[in-house]
Protein backbone atom coordinates (compact mmCIF):
# COMPACT_ATOMS: atom_id res chain seq x y z
CA UNK A 1 -35.83 28.07 12.65
CA UNK A 2 -32.36 26.63 13.17
CA UNK A 3 -30.81 29.96 12.31
CA UNK A 4 -33.08 31.81 14.79
CA UNK A 5 -32.20 29.33 17.55
CA UNK A 6 -28.47 29.71 16.84
CA UNK A 7 -28.70 33.53 17.02
CA UNK A 8 -30.65 33.30 20.31
CA UNK A 9 -28.03 30.98 21.84
CA UNK A 10 -25.21 33.25 20.69
CA UNK A 11 -26.96 36.33 22.10
CA UNK A 12 -27.56 34.60 25.44
CA UNK A 13 -23.89 33.52 25.56
CA UNK A 14 -22.79 37.06 24.79
CA UNK A 15 -25.02 38.45 27.56
CA UNK A 16 -23.65 35.91 30.07
CA UNK A 17 -20.09 36.79 29.04
CA UNK A 18 -20.80 40.50 29.52
CA UNK A 19 -22.34 39.82 32.94
CA UNK A 20 -19.15 38.03 33.94
CA UNK A 21 -16.62 40.59 32.68
CA UNK A 22 -18.46 43.86 33.35
CA UNK A 23 -17.11 44.43 36.88
CA UNK A 24 -13.47 43.52 36.16
CA UNK A 25 -13.67 45.68 33.05
CA UNK A 26 -15.19 48.58 35.01
CA UNK A 27 -12.50 48.28 37.68
CA UNK A 28 -9.79 48.21 35.02
CA UNK A 29 -11.19 51.36 33.40
CA UNK A 30 -11.36 53.17 36.75
CA UNK A 31 -7.76 52.25 37.54
CA UNK A 32 -6.71 53.29 34.06
CA UNK A 33 -8.48 56.65 34.33
CA UNK A 34 -7.07 57.42 37.79
CA UNK A 35 -3.69 55.72 37.46
CA UNK A 36 -1.70 58.82 38.45
CA UNK A 37 -3.72 59.23 41.65
CA UNK A 38 -3.42 55.51 42.44
CA UNK A 39 0.35 55.65 41.84
CA UNK A 40 0.71 58.65 44.16
CA UNK A 41 -1.38 56.95 46.84
CA UNK A 42 0.70 53.78 46.59
CA UNK A 43 3.94 55.77 46.85
CA UNK A 44 2.66 57.57 49.96
CA UNK A 45 1.57 54.28 51.44
CA UNK A 46 5.08 52.84 51.57
CA UNK A 47 4.69 49.10 51.85
CA UNK A 48 1.48 47.15 51.53
CA UNK A 49 0.86 43.65 52.82
CA UNK A 50 -2.26 41.54 52.47
CA UNK A 51 -2.49 38.13 54.10
CA UNK A 52 -4.81 35.99 56.21
CA UNK A 53 -4.51 38.44 59.12
CA UNK A 54 -5.74 41.33 57.00
CA UNK A 55 -4.26 44.27 55.18
CA UNK A 56 -1.45 46.35 56.62
CA UNK A 57 0.36 49.35 55.27
CA UNK A 58 3.57 50.91 56.44
CA UNK A 59 5.37 54.05 55.65
CA UNK A 60 8.65 52.70 57.04
CA UNK A 61 10.37 52.88 53.62
CA UNK A 62 9.58 56.63 53.44
CA UNK A 63 10.88 57.15 56.97
CA UNK A 64 14.04 55.17 56.22
CA UNK A 65 14.64 57.17 53.02
CA UNK A 66 14.27 60.44 54.92
CA UNK A 67 16.67 59.24 57.63
CA UNK A 68 19.24 58.41 54.93
CA UNK A 69 18.92 61.90 53.48
CA UNK A 70 19.32 63.44 56.92
CA UNK A 71 22.33 61.30 57.77
CA UNK A 72 23.96 62.12 54.42
CA UNK A 73 23.37 65.86 54.75
CA UNK A 74 23.81 66.09 58.53
CA UNK A 75 26.37 63.38 59.42
CA UNK A 76 27.05 62.65 63.09
CA UNK A 77 30.00 64.54 64.50
CA UNK A 78 29.47 67.62 62.36
CA UNK A 79 28.62 70.52 64.59
CA UNK A 80 25.34 72.15 63.83
CA UNK A 81 25.36 75.89 63.39
CA UNK A 82 24.19 78.06 66.25
CA UNK A 83 21.32 79.35 64.14
CA UNK A 84 18.33 77.14 63.57
CA UNK A 85 15.24 77.46 61.46
CA UNK A 86 13.10 77.13 64.59
CA UNK A 87 13.30 76.81 68.35
CA UNK A 88 13.23 73.34 69.86
CA UNK A 89 9.64 72.60 70.74
CA UNK A 90 7.96 69.80 72.61
CA UNK A 91 4.84 68.68 70.81
CA UNK A 92 1.83 67.24 72.61
CA UNK A 93 -1.22 65.18 71.77
CA UNK A 94 -1.53 62.02 69.73
CA UNK A 95 1.37 61.10 67.46
CA UNK A 96 -0.57 62.31 64.39
CA UNK A 97 -1.41 65.61 66.16
CA UNK A 98 2.27 66.06 66.99
CA UNK A 99 3.13 65.74 63.31
CA UNK A 100 0.50 68.35 62.48
CA UNK A 101 2.01 70.71 65.06
CA UNK A 102 5.48 70.07 63.66
CA UNK A 103 4.31 70.84 60.13
CA UNK A 104 2.50 73.99 61.28
CA UNK A 105 5.57 75.24 63.17
CA UNK A 106 7.77 74.55 60.16
CA UNK A 107 5.36 76.51 57.96
CA UNK A 108 5.30 79.40 60.44
CA UNK A 109 9.11 79.50 60.53
CA UNK A 110 9.29 79.63 56.74
CA UNK A 111 6.63 82.35 56.62
CA UNK A 112 8.65 84.41 59.10
CA UNK A 113 11.79 83.98 56.98
CA UNK A 114 9.87 85.02 53.87
CA UNK A 115 8.49 88.11 55.63
CA UNK A 116 11.98 89.10 56.84
CA UNK A 117 13.13 88.89 53.21
CA UNK A 118 10.11 90.91 52.01
CA UNK A 119 8.70 87.95 50.08
CA UNK A 120 4.99 87.36 49.70
CA UNK A 121 4.03 84.22 51.61
CA UNK A 122 0.24 84.49 51.37
CA UNK A 123 -1.45 81.30 50.25
CA UNK A 124 1.80 79.44 49.61
CA UNK A 125 2.33 75.90 50.79
CA UNK A 126 5.22 74.99 53.03
CA UNK A 127 6.97 73.31 50.12
CA UNK A 128 6.45 76.31 47.83
CA UNK A 129 7.85 78.67 50.49
CA UNK A 130 10.81 76.37 51.05
CA UNK A 131 11.54 76.27 47.32
CA UNK A 132 11.29 80.06 46.93
CA UNK A 133 13.50 80.68 49.97
CA UNK A 134 16.09 78.25 48.62
CA UNK A 135 16.03 79.91 45.18
CA UNK A 136 16.72 83.27 46.86
CA UNK A 137 19.51 81.63 48.95
CA UNK A 138 17.69 82.50 52.18
CA UNK A 139 17.47 78.82 53.06
CA UNK A 140 20.63 76.83 52.37
CA UNK A 141 20.39 74.12 49.72
CA UNK A 142 21.11 71.49 52.39
CA UNK A 143 18.23 72.75 54.54
CA UNK A 144 15.95 72.86 51.51
CA UNK A 145 16.47 69.14 50.88
CA UNK A 146 16.10 68.28 54.57
CA UNK A 147 12.82 70.20 54.80
CA UNK A 148 11.48 68.54 51.64
CA UNK A 149 12.36 65.07 52.97
CA UNK A 150 10.72 65.92 56.30
CA UNK A 151 7.56 67.20 54.61
CA UNK A 152 7.34 64.05 52.50
CA UNK A 153 7.53 61.85 55.58
CA UNK A 154 5.00 63.95 57.52
CA UNK A 155 2.56 63.92 54.61
CA UNK A 156 2.95 60.16 54.14
CA UNK A 157 2.45 59.33 57.81
CA UNK A 158 -0.55 57.08 58.49
CA UNK A 159 -3.14 57.95 61.12
CA UNK A 160 -1.85 55.06 63.26
CA UNK A 161 1.77 56.31 63.35
CA UNK A 162 3.60 55.24 66.50
CA UNK A 163 5.14 57.57 69.07
CA UNK A 164 8.56 56.02 68.35
CA UNK A 165 8.23 56.98 64.68
CA UNK A 166 7.16 60.51 65.62
CA UNK A 167 10.21 60.76 67.90
CA UNK A 168 12.46 59.82 64.97
CA UNK A 169 10.78 62.45 62.80
CA UNK A 170 11.13 65.03 65.58
CA UNK A 171 14.86 64.29 65.80
CA UNK A 172 15.13 65.09 62.11
CA UNK A 173 12.97 68.17 62.56
CA UNK A 174 15.17 69.44 65.40
CA UNK A 175 18.30 69.00 63.29
CA UNK A 176 17.14 71.51 60.68
């Protein structure tokens, strides 16, 4: 009887322990299984802050990194060539819509360059077109890196991006 009672107590303790650790264990397994996706999401997010006022995320570090790349590759005082990848455009709508228009115009410009060079552009992403055009020396190496930095910032932009941030991105866009 003592042995039966001891086994019952141990089983109940084990069940209570499992009830306590099941959700943290499940969460750990999910994070472990999708760690690459979580890492990519965190990188796109920029900075993350959680405090009593709530949770806030910023992509300022991505924007700052892109600005550094642009200033290194296009320093002030260096005259820009007369030819540009695109015409200067004024974008309208919400800040997020403006970024979408910018990305679409950039893609269209790269498609046009690819077509002029008799390259197939069907179904290729903006980044893939940029890479292929750079490999064929149609897009200068400097422009390739500027476009990649710009695409990274546009893709990382949160829905609540400010107009001031979009203006900074547009300045970079216009310098390509």
